[in-house]
Amino acid sequence: MIEDIIVRPERSNDVNAIDVVNISAFEGDKEVQLVADLRKSPFYVPDLALVAEVHGRLVGHVMLTKAQLNRRGQLSEILVLAPMSVVPSQSHRGIGTRLVQDAMTRAKRLGYRAVVVTGQPEYYQKLGFQKGGRWRLYSTLPVPDSAISAIELHDGTFKEGDTVQYPVEFLRLY
């Protein structure tokens, strides 16, 4: 039941459990390394690294980290969402949805203007994200443009041809 889900910021004593969630969700440790690298970077936003608990057990994790939006050489700060993970035994219970929604609410409250995510466009579009093609968004990641989804937390953030500059930590995944 969705009411059993508690979402809160990650704590230092959650690190091992978060690693287990990411390994089980992604069937590998690339995302574990990404999370560790992001935590050490200037792009890390502790208030936007959230976990989901069900009956005291950590079952999900999401991170929003700072990135740059490049508009013809003018840079502004936005957020990128990755990774978002839920242990497979708890999928289809609304945990991922709740993590993303809570992260977006917190991001807006903190004054961030937009969030971009790469991959799983069908899933994220159900949560209010739109195809990046709506704004002809580009990414510094080596992914097809169709993989990019975005949401404006404040209208007018994106303009045609903007490029999302992901932190270098993400480039190590590709």
C-alpha atoms as a PDB file:
ATOM      1  CA  MET A   1       0.000   0.000   0.000  1.00  0.00           C
ATOM      2  CA  ILE A   2       1.274   3.448  -0.890  1.00  0.00           C
ATOM      3  CA  GLU A   3       0.425   4.770   2.591  1.00  0.00           C
ATOM      4  CA  ASP A   4       3.067   2.407   4.040  1.00  0.00           C
ATOM      5  CA  ILE A   5       5.813   4.264   2.155  1.00  0.00           C
ATOM      6  CA  ILE A   6       7.973   6.738   4.054  1.00  0.00           C
ATOM      7  CA  VAL A   7      10.143   9.027   1.915  1.00  0.00           C
ATOM      8  CA  ARG A   8      12.988  10.926   3.553  1.00  0.00           C
ATOM      9  CA  PRO A   9      16.452  12.294   2.734  1.00  0.00           C
ATOM     10  CA  GLU A  10      19.222   9.707   2.727  1.00  0.00           C
ATOM     11  CA  ARG A  11      21.501   9.524   5.761  1.00  0.00           C
ATOM     12  CA  SER A  12      25.114   8.408   5.974  1.00  0.00           C
ATOM     13  CA  ASN A  13      24.091   5.124   7.617  1.00  0.00           C
ATOM     14  CA  ASP A  14      21.867   4.340   4.566  1.00  0.00           C
ATOM     15  CA  VAL A  15      24.782   4.018   2.130  1.00  0.00           C
ATOM     16  CA  ASN A  16      25.099   0.214   2.216  1.00  0.00           C
ATOM     17  CA  ALA A  17      21.343  -0.314   1.931  1.00  0.00           C
ATOM     18  CA  ILE A  18      21.184   2.158  -0.984  1.00  0.00           C
ATOM     19  CA  ASP A  19      23.972   0.206  -2.693  1.00  0.00           C
ATOM     20  CA  VAL A  20      21.924  -2.999  -2.313  1.00  0.00           C
ATOM     21  CA  VAL A  21      18.824  -1.281  -3.769  1.00  0.00           C
ATOM     22  CA  ASN A  22      20.789  -0.045  -6.784  1.00  0.00           C
ATOM     23  CA  ILE A  23      22.546  -3.368  -7.390  1.00  0.00           C
ATOM     24  CA  SER A  24      19.273  -5.285  -7.251  1.00  0.00           C
ATOM     25  CA  ALA A  25      17.379  -2.783  -9.398  1.00  0.00           C
ATOM     26  CA  PHE A  26      20.063  -2.386 -12.073  1.00  0.00           C
ATOM     27  CA  GLU A  27      21.668  -5.848 -11.796  1.00  0.00           C
ATOM     28  CA  GLY A  28      25.133  -4.361 -11.563  1.00  0.00           C
ATOM     29  CA  ASP A  29      27.242  -1.827  -9.738  1.00  0.00           C
ATOM     30  CA  LYS A  30      27.633   1.022 -12.250  1.00  0.00           C
ATOM     31  CA  GLU A  31      24.905   3.039 -10.532  1.00  0.00           C
ATOM     32  CA  VAL A  32      26.477   2.325  -7.129  1.00  0.00           C
ATOM     33  CA  GLN A  33      29.677   3.959  -8.370  1.00  0.00           C
ATOM     34  CA  LEU A  34      27.705   6.845  -9.916  1.00  0.00           C
ATOM     35  CA  VAL A  35      25.957   7.550  -6.609  1.00  0.00           C
ATOM     36  CA  ALA A  36      29.246   7.398  -4.693  1.00  0.00           C
ATOM     37  CA  ASP A  37      30.913   9.742  -7.188  1.00  0.00           C
ATOM     38  CA  LEU A  38      28.007  12.197  -7.151  1.00  0.00           C
ATOM     39  CA  ARG A  39      28.002  12.353  -3.357  1.00  0.00           C
ATOM     40  CA  LYS A  40      31.623  13.554  -3.496  1.00  0.00           C
ATOM     41  CA  SER A  41      30.933  16.108  -6.233  1.00  0.00           C
ATOM     42  CA  PRO A  42      29.822  19.747  -6.051  1.00  0.00           C
ATOM     43  CA  PHE A  43      26.648  18.678  -7.903  1.00  0.00           C
ATOM     44  CA  TYR A  44      25.292  16.691  -4.944  1.00  0.00           C
ATOM     45  CA  VAL A  45      22.194  18.118  -3.247  1.00  0.00           C
ATOM     46  CA  PRO A  46      21.681  16.209   0.042  1.00  0.00           C
ATOM     47  CA  ASP A  47      18.061  17.369   0.351  1.00  0.00           C
ATOM     48  CA  LEU A  48      17.312  15.813  -3.049  1.00  0.00           C
ATOM     49  CA  ALA A  49      18.833  12.371  -2.435  1.00  0.00           C
ATOM     50  CA  LEU A  50      15.841  10.491  -1.073  1.00  0.00           C
ATOM     51  CA  VAL A  51      15.085   6.989   0.117  1.00  0.00           C
ATOM     52  CA  ALA A  52      11.821   5.097   0.459  1.00  0.00           C
ATOM     53  CA  GLU A  53      11.163   2.833   3.409  1.00  0.00           C
ATOM     54  CA  VAL A  54       8.410   0.262   3.812  1.00  0.00           C
ATOM     55  CA  HIS A  55       8.011  -1.142   7.329  1.00  0.00           C
ATOM     56  CA  GLY A  56      11.506   0.083   8.247  1.00  0.00           C
ATOM     57  CA  ARG A  57      13.190  -1.518   5.233  1.00  0.00           C
ATOM     58  CA  LEU A  58      14.884   0.645   2.619  1.00  0.00           C
ATOM     59  CA  VAL A  59      13.330  -0.268  -0.748  1.00  0.00           C
ATOM     60  CA  GLY A  60      13.963   2.696  -3.042  1.00  0.00           C
ATOM     61  CA  HIS A  61      16.293   5.576  -3.831  1.00  0.00           C
ATOM     62  CA  VAL A  62      16.331   8.644  -6.072  1.00  0.00           C
ATOM     63  CA  MET A  63      18.874  11.395  -6.663  1.00  0.00           C
ATOM     64  CA  LEU A  64      18.468  14.795  -8.234  1.00  0.00           C
ATOM     65  CA  THR A  65      21.810  16.471  -8.868  1.00  0.00           C
ATOM     66  CA  LYS A  66      22.813  19.835 -10.261  1.00  0.00           C
ATOM     67  CA  ALA A  67      23.577  20.219 -13.945  1.00  0.00           C
ATOM     68  CA  GLN A  68      23.968  23.131 -16.330  1.00  0.00           C
ATOM     69  CA  LEU A  69      21.565  24.286 -19.012  1.00  0.00           C
ATOM     70  CA  ASN A  70      23.554  25.829 -21.844  1.00  0.00           C
ATOM     71  CA  ARG A  71      21.691  28.345 -23.973  1.00  0.00           C
ATOM     72  CA  ARG A  72      24.112  29.589 -26.616  1.00  0.00           C
ATOM     73  CA  GLY A  73      26.907  29.912 -24.050  1.00  0.00           C
ATOM     74  CA  GLN A  74      24.756  31.252 -21.205  1.00  0.00           C
ATOM     75  CA  LEU A  75      24.681  28.758 -18.336  1.00  0.00           C
ATOM     76  CA  SER A  76      21.952  28.283 -15.743  1.00  0.00           C
ATOM     77  CA  GLU A  77      21.482  25.640 -13.088  1.00  0.00           C
ATOM     78  CA  ILE A  78      18.921  22.859 -13.411  1.00  0.00           C
ATOM     79  CA  LEU A  79      18.644  19.320 -12.042  1.00  0.00           C
ATOM     80  CA  VAL A  80      19.033  15.881 -13.550  1.00  0.00           C
ATOM     81  CA  LEU A  81      17.301  12.815 -12.157  1.00  0.00           C
ATOM     82  CA  ALA A  82      19.383   9.659 -11.857  1.00  0.00           C
ATOM     83  CA  PRO A  83      19.433   7.102 -10.634  1.00  0.00           C
ATOM     84  CA  MET A  84      15.973   6.136  -9.471  1.00  0.00           C
ATOM     85  CA  SER A  85      15.734   2.598  -8.194  1.00  0.00           C
ATOM     86  CA  VAL A  86      13.303   0.298  -6.428  1.00  0.00           C
ATOM     87  CA  VAL A  87      14.077  -3.247  -5.332  1.00  0.00           C
ATOM     88  CA  PRO A  88      12.370  -5.596  -7.800  1.00  0.00           C
ATOM     89  CA  SER A  89      10.296  -7.344  -5.106  1.00  0.00           C
ATOM     90  CA  GLN A  90       8.652  -3.990  -4.330  1.00  0.00           C
ATOM     91  CA  SER A  91       8.089  -2.707  -7.865  1.00  0.00           C
ATOM     92  CA  HIS A  92       4.593  -1.791  -9.088  1.00  0.00           C
ATOM     93  CA  ARG A  93       3.582  -0.504  -5.648  1.00  0.00           C
ATOM     94  CA  GLY A  94       3.957   3.202  -6.403  1.00  0.00           C
ATOM     95  CA  ILE A  95       7.322   3.549  -4.665  1.00  0.00           C
ATOM     96  CA  GLY A  96       9.147   5.004  -7.678  1.00  0.00           C
ATOM     97  CA  THR A  97       6.276   7.365  -8.384  1.00  0.00           C
ATOM     98  CA  ARG A  98       6.268   8.562  -4.790  1.00  0.00           C
ATOM     99  CA  LEU A  99      10.053   9.069  -4.784  1.00  0.00           C
ATOM    100  CA  VAL A 100       9.957  11.122  -7.980  1.00  0.00           C
ATOM    101  CA  GLN A 101       6.948  13.191  -6.876  1.00  0.00           C
ATOM    102  CA  ASP A 102       8.489  13.963  -3.487  1.00  0.00           C
ATOM    103  CA  ALA A 103      11.817  14.859  -5.115  1.00  0.00           C
ATOM    104  CA  MET A 104      10.073  17.229  -7.551  1.00  0.00           C
ATOM    105  CA  THR A 105       8.125  18.928  -4.761  1.00  0.00           C
ATOM    106  CA  ARG A 106      11.314  19.443  -2.756  1.00  0.00           C
ATOM    107  CA  ALA A 107      13.213  20.695  -5.823  1.00  0.00           C
ATOM    108  CA  LYS A 108      10.555  23.284  -6.586  1.00  0.00           C
ATOM    109  CA  ARG A 109      10.482  24.401  -2.953  1.00  0.00           C
ATOM    110  CA  LEU A 110      14.281  24.836  -3.082  1.00  0.00           C
ATOM    111  CA  GLY A 111      13.928  27.101  -6.120  1.00  0.00           C
ATOM    112  CA  TYR A 112      15.159  24.832  -8.893  1.00  0.00           C
ATOM    113  CA  ARG A 113      13.590  25.579 -12.265  1.00  0.00           C
ATOM    114  CA  ALA A 114      13.614  22.262 -14.141  1.00  0.00           C
ATOM    115  CA  VAL A 115      14.508  18.566 -14.088  1.00  0.00           C
ATOM    116  CA  VAL A 116      15.793  16.427 -16.944  1.00  0.00           C
ATOM    117  CA  VAL A 117      15.932  12.634 -17.056  1.00  0.00           C
ATOM    118  CA  THR A 118      17.496  10.326 -19.625  1.00  0.00           C
ATOM    119  CA  GLY A 119      15.877   6.967 -20.332  1.00  0.00           C
ATOM    120  CA  GLN A 120      12.512   5.339 -19.635  1.00  0.00           C
ATOM    121  CA  PRO A 121      10.531   8.132 -21.365  1.00  0.00           C
ATOM    122  CA  GLU A 122       7.203   6.291 -21.161  1.00  0.00           C
ATOM    123  CA  TYR A 123       7.493   5.953 -17.383  1.00  0.00           C
ATOM    124  CA  TYR A 124       8.552   9.531 -16.704  1.00  0.00           C
ATOM    125  CA  GLN A 125       5.967  11.004 -19.065  1.00  0.00           C
ATOM    126  CA  LYS A 126       3.283   9.376 -16.897  1.00  0.00           C
ATOM    127  CA  LEU A 127       4.707  11.490 -14.052  1.00  0.00           C
ATOM    128  CA  GLY A 128       4.378  14.804 -15.901  1.00  0.00           C
ATOM    129  CA  PHE A 129       7.654  14.899 -17.795  1.00  0.00           C
ATOM    130  CA  GLN A 130       7.473  15.773 -21.474  1.00  0.00           C
ATOM    131  CA  LYS A 131       9.558  14.668 -24.405  1.00  0.00           C
ATOM    132  CA  GLY A 132      12.707  16.733 -24.640  1.00  0.00           C
ATOM    133  CA  GLY A 133      11.889  17.155 -28.319  1.00  0.00           C
ATOM    134  CA  ARG A 134       9.160  19.608 -27.333  1.00  0.00           C
ATOM    135  CA  TRP A 135      11.968  22.117 -26.728  1.00  0.00           C
ATOM    136  CA  ARG A 136      14.534  20.443 -29.008  1.00  0.00           C
ATOM    137  CA  LEU A 137      16.661  19.746 -25.921  1.00  0.00           C
ATOM    138  CA  TYR A 138      20.068  18.234 -26.429  1.00  0.00           C
ATOM    139  CA  SER A 139      22.286  16.398 -23.971  1.00  0.00           C
ATOM    140  CA  THR A 140      26.019  15.987 -23.493  1.00  0.00           C
ATOM    141  CA  LEU A 141      25.372  12.272 -22.868  1.00  0.00           C
ATOM    142  CA  PRO A 142      25.754   9.973 -25.884  1.00  0.00           C
ATOM    143  CA  VAL A 143      22.046   9.084 -26.040  1.00  0.00           C
ATOM    144  CA  PRO A 144      19.387   9.568 -28.697  1.00  0.00           C
ATOM    145  CA  ASP A 145      17.333  12.745 -28.316  1.00  0.00           C
ATOM    146  CA  SER A 146      14.237  10.550 -27.916  1.00  0.00           C
ATOM    147  CA  ALA A 147      15.626   9.304 -24.578  1.00  0.00           C
ATOM    148  CA  ILE A 148      15.445  12.779 -23.007  1.00  0.00           C
ATOM    149  CA  SER A 149      12.425  13.858 -20.960  1.00  0.00           C
ATOM    150  CA  ALA A 150      12.072  17.050 -18.972  1.00  0.00           C
ATOM    151  CA  ILE A 151       9.748  18.986 -16.729  1.00  0.00           C
ATOM    152  CA  GLU A 152       9.710  22.691 -16.048  1.00  0.00           C
ATOM    153  CA  LEU A 153       9.142  23.477 -12.398  1.00  0.00           C
ATOM    154  CA  HIS A 154       8.840  27.108 -13.500  1.00  0.00           C
ATOM    155  CA  ASP A 155       7.335  27.829 -16.928  1.00  0.00           C
ATOM    156  CA  GLY A 156       9.661  29.164 -19.579  1.00  0.00           C
ATOM    157  CA  THR A 157      12.841  27.530 -18.292  1.00  0.00           C
ATOM    158  CA  PHE A 158      13.601  25.731 -21.567  1.00  0.00           C
ATOM    159  CA  LYS A 159      14.062  27.332 -24.973  1.00  0.00           C
ATOM    160  CA  GLU A 160      14.527  25.650 -28.320  1.00  0.00           C
ATOM    161  CA  GLY A 161      18.005  24.229 -28.764  1.00  0.00           C
ATOM    162  CA  ASP A 162      19.119  24.267 -25.117  1.00  0.00           C
ATOM    163  CA  THR A 163      21.760  21.693 -24.164  1.00  0.00           C
ATOM    164  CA  VAL A 164      21.783  19.857 -20.847  1.00  0.00           C
ATOM    165  CA  GLN A 165      25.374  19.585 -19.617  1.00  0.00           C
ATOM    166  CA  TYR A 166      25.517  16.535 -17.386  1.00  0.00           C
ATOM    167  CA  PRO A 167      28.181  16.347 -14.679  1.00  0.00           C
ATOM    168  CA  VAL A 168      31.262  14.415 -15.803  1.00  0.00           C
ATOM    169  CA  GLU A 169      30.378  11.652 -13.310  1.00  0.00           C
ATOM    170  CA  PHE A 170      27.547  10.588 -15.627  1.00  0.00           C
ATOM    171  CA  LEU A 171      29.821  10.319 -18.643  1.00  0.00           C
ATOM    172  CA  ARG A 172      31.659   7.441 -16.961  1.00  0.00           C
ATOM    173  CA  LEU A 173      28.499   5.317 -17.384  1.00  0.00           C
ATOM    174  CA  TYR A 174      28.694   5.564 -21.183  1.00  0.00           C
END
